[in-house]
PDB file of N, CA and C in Angstrom:
ATOM      1  N   MET A   1      18.002  32.622 113.864  1.00  0.00           N
ATOM      2  CA  MET A   1      17.041  31.806 113.139  1.00  0.00           C
ATOM      3  C   MET A   1      16.322  30.916 114.144  1.00  0.00           C
ATOM      4  N   SER A   2      15.021  30.930 114.074  1.00  0.00           N
ATOM      5  CA  SER A   2      14.225  30.128 115.003  1.00  0.00           C
ATOM      6  C   SER A   2      13.932  28.746 114.423  1.00  0.00           C
ATOM      7  N   ALA A   3      13.671  27.817 115.323  1.00  0.00           N
ATOM      8  CA  ALA A   3      13.286  26.472 114.889  1.00  0.00           C
ATOM      9  C   ALA A   3      11.988  26.525 114.089  1.00  0.00           C
ATOM     10  N   ASP A   4      11.089  27.448 114.460  1.00  0.00           N
ATOM     11  CA  ASP A   4       9.820  27.570 113.734  1.00  0.00           C
ATOM     12  C   ASP A   4      10.045  27.945 112.272  1.00  0.00           C
ATOM     13  N   GLY A   5      11.008  28.813 112.028  1.00  0.00           N
ATOM     14  CA  GLY A   5      11.323  29.196 110.654  1.00  0.00           C
ATOM     15  C   GLY A   5      11.863  28.029 109.846  1.00  0.00           C
ATOM     16  N   VAL A   6      12.689  27.211 110.477  1.00  0.00           N
ATOM     17  CA  VAL A   6      13.243  26.041 109.786  1.00  0.00           C
ATOM     18  C   VAL A   6      12.155  24.990 109.573  1.00  0.00           C
ATOM     19  N   VAL A   7      11.245  24.856 110.526  1.00  0.00           N
ATOM     20  CA  VAL A   7      10.111  23.936 110.359  1.00  0.00           C
ATOM     21  C   VAL A   7       9.337  24.315 109.102  1.00  0.00           C
ATOM     22  N   LYS A   8       9.093  25.597 108.912  1.00  0.00           N
ATOM     23  CA  LYS A   8       8.354  26.062 107.730  1.00  0.00           C
ATOM     24  C   LYS A   8       9.100  25.707 106.444  1.00  0.00           C
ATOM     25  N   ILE A   9      10.410  25.842 106.464  1.00  0.00           N
ATOM     26  CA  ILE A   9      11.206  25.485 105.282  1.00  0.00           C
ATOM     27  C   ILE A   9      11.123  23.981 105.038  1.00  0.00           C
ATOM     28  N   PHE A  10      11.279  23.179 106.089  1.00  0.00           N
ATOM     29  CA  PHE A  10      11.168  21.725 105.948  1.00  0.00           C
ATOM     30  C   PHE A  10       9.803  21.361 105.360  1.00  0.00           C
ATOM     31  N   ARG A  11       8.740  21.972 105.885  1.00  0.00           N
ATOM     32  CA  ARG A  11       7.387  21.671 105.403  1.00  0.00           C
ATOM     33  C   ARG A  11       7.242  21.998 103.925  1.00  0.00           C
ATOM     34  N   ARG A  12       7.780  23.121 103.531  1.00  0.00           N
ATOM     35  CA  ARG A  12       7.700  23.526 102.127  1.00  0.00           C
ATOM     36  C   ARG A  12       8.486  22.574 101.223  1.00  0.00           C
ATOM     37  N   VAL A  13       9.705  22.235 101.627  1.00  0.00           N
ATOM     38  CA  VAL A  13      10.561  21.382 100.795  1.00  0.00           C
ATOM     39  C   VAL A  13      10.037  19.942 100.754  1.00  0.00           C
ATOM     40  N   LEU A  14       9.604  19.435 101.894  1.00  0.00           N
ATOM     41  CA  LEU A  14       9.124  18.047 101.957  1.00  0.00           C
ATOM     42  C   LEU A  14       7.642  17.916 101.602  1.00  0.00           C
ATOM     43  N   GLU A  15       6.981  19.055 101.411  1.00  0.00           N
ATOM     44  CA  GLU A  15       5.571  19.087 101.030  1.00  0.00           C
ATOM     45  C   GLU A  15       4.681  18.297 101.986  1.00  0.00           C
ATOM     46  N   THR A  16       4.876  18.564 103.293  1.00  0.00           N
ATOM     47  CA  THR A  16       4.044  17.956 104.329  1.00  0.00           C
ATOM     48  C   THR A  16       3.978  18.894 105.524  1.00  0.00           C
ATOM     49  N   ASP A  17       2.856  18.865 106.215  1.00  0.00           N
ATOM     50  CA  ASP A  17       2.702  19.662 107.425  1.00  0.00           C
ATOM     51  C   ASP A  17       3.055  18.869 108.675  1.00  0.00           C
ATOM     52  N   ASP A  18       3.336  17.596 108.517  1.00  0.00           N
ATOM     53  CA  ASP A  18       3.602  16.701 109.642  1.00  0.00           C
ATOM     54  C   ASP A  18       5.070  16.783 110.069  1.00  0.00           C
ATOM     55  N   ILE A  19       5.506  17.976 110.452  1.00  0.00           N
ATOM     56  CA  ILE A  19       6.891  18.199 110.858  1.00  0.00           C
ATOM     57  C   ILE A  19       6.896  19.021 112.135  1.00  0.00           C
ATOM     58  N   GLN A  20       7.674  18.570 113.088  1.00  0.00           N
ATOM     59  CA  GLN A  20       7.841  19.263 114.371  1.00  0.00           C
ATOM     60  C   GLN A  20       9.290  19.751 114.474  1.00  0.00           C
ATOM     61  N   ALA A  21       9.572  20.509 115.508  1.00  0.00           N
ATOM     62  CA  ALA A  21      10.916  21.068 115.690  1.00  0.00           C
ATOM     63  C   ALA A  21      11.980  19.988 115.841  1.00  0.00           C
ATOM     64  N   ASN A  22      11.609  18.831 116.388  1.00  0.00           N
ATOM     65  CA  ASN A  22      12.593  17.766 116.596  1.00  0.00           C
ATOM     66  C   ASN A  22      12.541  16.676 115.521  1.00  0.00           C
ATOM     67  N   SER A  23      11.805  16.915 114.440  1.00  0.00           N
ATOM     68  CA  SER A  23      11.698  15.929 113.357  1.00  0.00           C
ATOM     69  C   SER A  23      13.013  15.809 112.595  1.00  0.00           C
ATOM     70  N   ASP A  24      13.432  14.592 112.345  1.00  0.00           N
ATOM     71  CA  ASP A  24      14.651  14.335 111.580  1.00  0.00           C
ATOM     72  C   ASP A  24      14.321  14.364 110.085  1.00  0.00           C
ATOM     73  N   PHE A  25      15.002  15.223 109.372  1.00  0.00           N
ATOM     74  CA  PHE A  25      14.773  15.420 107.944  1.00  0.00           C
ATOM     75  C   PHE A  25      14.852  14.115 107.158  1.00  0.00           C
ATOM     76  N   PHE A  26      15.836  13.308 107.450  1.00  0.00           N
ATOM     77  CA  PHE A  26      16.053  12.085 106.671  1.00  0.00           C
ATOM     78  C   PHE A  26      15.051  10.992 107.037  1.00  0.00           C
ATOM     79  N   VAL A  27      14.618  10.938 108.275  1.00  0.00           N
ATOM     80  CA  VAL A  27      13.580   9.992 108.681  1.00  0.00           C
ATOM     81  C   VAL A  27      12.260  10.337 107.993  1.00  0.00           C
ATOM     82  N   LEU A  28      12.049  11.633 107.744  1.00  0.00           N
ATOM     83  CA  LEU A  28      10.834  12.086 107.073  1.00  0.00           C
ATOM     84  C   LEU A  28      10.845  11.822 105.568  1.00  0.00           C
ATOM     85  N   GLY A  29      11.932  11.273 105.064  1.00  0.00           N
ATOM     86  CA  GLY A  29      12.016  10.963 103.638  1.00  0.00           C
ATOM     87  C   GLY A  29      12.884  11.921 102.844  1.00  0.00           C
ATOM     88  N   GLY A  30      13.515  12.849 103.535  1.00  0.00           N
ATOM     89  CA  GLY A  30      14.409  13.775 102.849  1.00  0.00           C
ATOM     90  C   GLY A  30      15.654  13.074 102.342  1.00  0.00           C
ATOM     91  N   ASP A  31      16.220  13.615 101.286  1.00  0.00           N
ATOM     92  CA  ASP A  31      17.466  13.071 100.732  1.00  0.00           C
ATOM     93  C   ASP A  31      18.439  14.216 100.511  1.00  0.00           C
ATOM     94  N   SER A  32      19.596  13.902  99.958  1.00  0.00           N
ATOM     95  CA  SER A  32      20.638  14.921  99.806  1.00  0.00           C
ATOM     96  C   SER A  32      20.219  16.046  98.860  1.00  0.00           C
ATOM     97  N   LEU A  33      19.468  15.732  97.829  1.00  0.00           N
ATOM     98  CA  LEU A  33      19.028  16.782  96.909  1.00  0.00           C
ATOM     99  C   LEU A  33      18.037  17.730  97.576  1.00  0.00           C
ATOM    100  N   LEU A  34      17.116  17.172  98.346  1.00  0.00           N
ATOM    101  CA  LEU A  34      16.175  18.017  99.074  1.00  0.00           C
ATOM    102  C   LEU A  34      16.884  18.806 100.172  1.00  0.00           C
ATOM    103  N   ALA A  35      17.914  18.216 100.760  1.00  0.00           N
ATOM    104  CA  ALA A  35      18.681  18.925 101.786  1.00  0.00           C
ATOM    105  C   ALA A  35      19.335  20.176 101.202  1.00  0.00           C
ATOM    106  N   THR A  36      19.815  20.085  99.968  1.00  0.00           N
ATOM    107  CA  THR A  36      20.409  21.274  99.351  1.00  0.00           C
ATOM    108  C   THR A  36      19.354  22.357  99.135  1.00  0.00           C
ATOM    109  N   ARG A  37      18.119  21.962  98.888  1.00  0.00           N
ATOM    110  CA  ARG A  37      17.025  22.949  98.773  1.00  0.00           C
ATOM    111  C   ARG A  37      16.777  23.623 100.121  1.00  0.00           C
ATOM    112  N   VAL A  38      16.844  22.861 101.199  1.00  0.00           N
ATOM    113  CA  VAL A  38      16.683  23.440 102.536  1.00  0.00           C
ATOM    114  C   VAL A  38      17.823  24.425 102.807  1.00  0.00           C
ATOM    115  N   LEU A  39      19.037  24.015 102.522  1.00  0.00           N
ATOM    116  CA  LEU A  39      20.196  24.881 102.752  1.00  0.00           C
ATOM    117  C   LEU A  39      20.104  26.163 101.933  1.00  0.00           C
ATOM    118  N   SER A  40      19.653  26.051 100.703  1.00  0.00           N
ATOM    119  CA  SER A  40      19.482  27.233  99.850  1.00  0.00           C
ATOM    120  C   SER A  40      18.410  28.155 100.405  1.00  0.00           C
ATOM    121  N   ALA A  41      17.321  27.578 100.878  1.00  0.00           N
ATOM    122  CA  ALA A  41      16.237  28.387 101.440  1.00  0.00           C
ATOM    123  C   ALA A  41      16.698  29.100 102.713  1.00  0.00           C
ATOM    124  N   ILE A  42      17.462  28.425 103.550  1.00  0.00           N
ATOM    125  CA  ILE A  42      17.995  29.049 104.762  1.00  0.00           C
ATOM    126  C   ILE A  42      18.912  30.206 104.388  1.00  0.00           C
ATOM    127  N   ALA A  43      19.771  29.991 103.408  1.00  0.00           N
ATOM    128  CA  ALA A  43      20.674  31.053 102.962  1.00  0.00           C
ATOM    129  C   ALA A  43      19.901  32.241 102.402  1.00  0.00           C
ATOM    130  N   ARG A  44      18.902  31.964 101.609  1.00  0.00           N
ATOM    131  CA  ARG A  44      18.103  33.015 100.974  1.00  0.00           C
ATOM    132  C   ARG A  44      17.276  33.789 102.007  1.00  0.00           C
ATOM    133  N   GLU A  45      16.639  33.062 102.914  1.00  0.00           N
ATOM    134  CA  GLU A  45      15.709  33.702 103.851  1.00  0.00           C
ATOM    135  C   GLU A  45      16.375  34.284 105.085  1.00  0.00           C
ATOM    136  N   TYR A  46      17.519  33.719 105.490  1.00  0.00           N
ATOM    137  CA  TYR A  46      18.173  34.161 106.721  1.00  0.00           C
ATOM    138  C   TYR A  46      19.571  34.719 106.500  1.00  0.00           C
ATOM    139  N   GLY A  47      20.093  34.598 105.284  1.00  0.00           N
ATOM    140  CA  GLY A  47      21.430  35.103 105.010  1.00  0.00           C
ATOM    141  C   GLY A  47      22.527  34.328 105.714  1.00  0.00           C
ATOM    142  N   VAL A  48      22.269  33.052 105.982  1.00  0.00           N
ATOM    143  CA  VAL A  48      23.218  32.197 106.696  1.00  0.00           C
ATOM    144  C   VAL A  48      23.595  31.025 105.806  1.00  0.00           C
ATOM    145  N   GLU A  49      24.882  30.865 105.582  1.00  0.00           N
ATOM    146  CA  GLU A  49      25.375  29.748 104.769  1.00  0.00           C
ATOM    147  C   GLU A  49      25.747  28.572 105.678  1.00  0.00           C
ATOM    148  N   LEU A  50      25.124  27.441 105.441  1.00  0.00           N
ATOM    149  CA  LEU A  50      25.455  26.210 106.155  1.00  0.00           C
ATOM    150  C   LEU A  50      26.004  25.202 105.159  1.00  0.00           C
ATOM    151  N   SER A  51      26.907  24.374 105.622  1.00  0.00           N
ATOM    152  CA  SER A  51      27.441  23.324 104.757  1.00  0.00           C
ATOM    153  C   SER A  51      26.557  22.086 104.858  1.00  0.00           C
ATOM    154  N   PHE A  52      26.733  21.190 103.915  1.00  0.00           N
ATOM    155  CA  PHE A  52      25.995  19.932 103.960  1.00  0.00           C
ATOM    156  C   PHE A  52      26.390  19.142 105.204  1.00  0.00           C
ATOM    157  N   ALA A  53      27.663  19.223 105.596  1.00  0.00           N
ATOM    158  CA  ALA A  53      28.119  18.551 106.820  1.00  0.00           C
ATOM    159  C   ALA A  53      27.395  19.109 108.046  1.00  0.00           C
ATOM    160  N   ASP A  54      27.172  20.437 108.079  1.00  0.00           N
ATOM    161  CA  ASP A  54      26.395  21.039 109.174  1.00  0.00           C
ATOM    162  C   ASP A  54      25.011  20.416 109.231  1.00  0.00           C
ATOM    163  N   PHE A  55      24.411  20.273 108.066  1.00  0.00           N
ATOM    164  CA  PHE A  55      23.063  19.714 107.991  1.00  0.00           C
ATOM    165  C   PHE A  55      23.044  18.255 108.448  1.00  0.00           C
ATOM    166  N   LEU A  56      24.028  17.476 108.038  1.00  0.00           N
ATOM    167  CA  LEU A  56      24.093  16.070 108.454  1.00  0.00           C
ATOM    168  C   LEU A  56      24.252  15.945 109.962  1.00  0.00           C
ATOM    169  N   ASN A  57      24.987  16.865 110.571  1.00  0.00           N
ATOM    170  CA  ASN A  57      25.205  16.831 112.019  1.00  0.00           C
ATOM    171  C   ASN A  57      24.001  17.338 112.802  1.00  0.00           C
ATOM    172  N   ALA A  58      23.118  18.072 112.152  1.00  0.00           N
ATOM    173  CA  ALA A  58      21.959  18.654 112.820  1.00  0.00           C
ATOM    174  C   ALA A  58      20.757  18.608 111.881  1.00  0.00           C
ATOM    175  N   PRO A  59      20.190  17.418 111.648  1.00  0.00           N
ATOM    176  CA  PRO A  59      19.145  17.273 110.619  1.00  0.00           C
ATOM    177  C   PRO A  59      17.720  17.616 111.055  1.00  0.00           C
ATOM    178  N   SER A  60      17.569  18.277 112.197  1.00  0.00           N
ATOM    179  CA  SER A  60      16.222  18.704 112.618  1.00  0.00           C
ATOM    180  C   SER A  60      16.195  20.228 112.723  1.00  0.00           C
ATOM    181  N   PRO A  61      15.029  20.823 112.608  1.00  0.00           N
ATOM    182  CA  PRO A  61      14.943  22.281 112.747  1.00  0.00           C
ATOM    183  C   PRO A  61      15.519  22.780 114.076  1.00  0.00           C
ATOM    184  N   GLU A  62      15.215  22.078 115.137  1.00  0.00           N
ATOM    185  CA  GLU A  62      15.693  22.447 116.467  1.00  0.00           C
ATOM    186  C   GLU A  62      17.222  22.395 116.536  1.00  0.00           C
ATOM    187  N   ALA A  63      17.806  21.321 116.009  1.00  0.00           N
ATOM    188  CA  ALA A  63      19.260  21.156 116.041  1.00  0.00           C
ATOM    189  C   ALA A  63      19.959  22.180 115.145  1.00  0.00           C
ATOM    190  N   LEU A  64      19.394  22.459 113.985  1.00  0.00           N
ATOM    191  CA  LEU A  64      19.984  23.476 113.101  1.00  0.00           C
ATOM    192  C   LEU A  64      19.966  24.845 113.766  1.00  0.00           C
ATOM    193  N   SER A  65      18.870  25.184 114.406  1.00  0.00           N
ATOM    194  CA  SER A  65      18.762  26.467 115.093  1.00  0.00           C
ATOM    195  C   SER A  65      19.767  26.562 116.231  1.00  0.00           C
ATOM    196  N   ALA A  66      19.896  25.487 116.996  1.00  0.00           N
ATOM    197  CA  ALA A  66      20.852  25.474 118.102  1.00  0.00           C
ATOM    198  C   ALA A  66      22.283  25.598 117.593  1.00  0.00           C
ATOM    199  N   GLN A  67      22.583  24.914 116.495  1.00  0.00           N
ATOM    200  CA  GLN A  67      23.925  24.980 115.926  1.00  0.00           C
ATOM    201  C   GLN A  67      24.237  26.411 115.476  1.00  0.00           C
ATOM    202  N   LEU A  68      23.288  27.046 114.848  1.00  0.00           N
ATOM    203  CA  LEU A  68      23.502  28.420 114.410  1.00  0.00           C
ATOM    204  C   LEU A  68      23.674  29.366 115.594  1.00  0.00           C
ATOM    205  N   SER A  69      22.926  29.151 116.628  1.00  0.00           N
ATOM    206  CA  SER A  69      23.053  29.989 117.821  1.00  0.00           C
ATOM    207  C   SER A  69      24.428  29.823 118.456  1.00  0.00           C
ATOM    208  N   SER A  70      24.917  28.590 118.527  1.00  0.00           N
ATOM    209  CA  SER A  70      26.233  28.368 119.135  1.00  0.00           C
ATOM    210  C   SER A  70      27.359  28.869 118.225  1.00  0.00           C
ATOM    211  N   ASP A  71      27.163  28.816 116.913  1.00  0.00           N
ATOM    212  CA  ASP A  71      28.178  29.317 115.988  1.00  0.00           C
ATOM    213  C   ASP A  71      28.318  30.834 116.066  1.00  0.00           C
ATOM    214  N   ARG A  72      27.233  31.513 116.385  1.00  0.00           N
ATOM    215  CA  ARG A  72      27.235  32.979 116.415  1.00  0.00           C
ATOM    216  C   ARG A  72      27.789  33.534 117.721  1.00  0.00           C
ATOM    217  N   THR A  73      27.850  32.697 118.766  1.00  0.00           N
ATOM    218  CA  THR A  73      28.363  33.199 120.045  1.00  0.00           C
ATOM    219  C   THR A  73      29.836  32.965 120.175  1.00  0.00           C
TER     220      THR A  73
END
């Protein structure tokens, strides 16, 4: 999963284009309910299940992508 793909999901869920790979979801106004929408979209689009704790530890597209890459190796 690329950071660009997660950026697109963040943009869709947060309804803004002002998101970069290093943008923090919660600083952008995201909350726990919106985070579950991001997690669901990642699962649906990439077939990867992440926990809410994973998301809290890596709340940016770049960090989520890196976490997934390290989990797969």
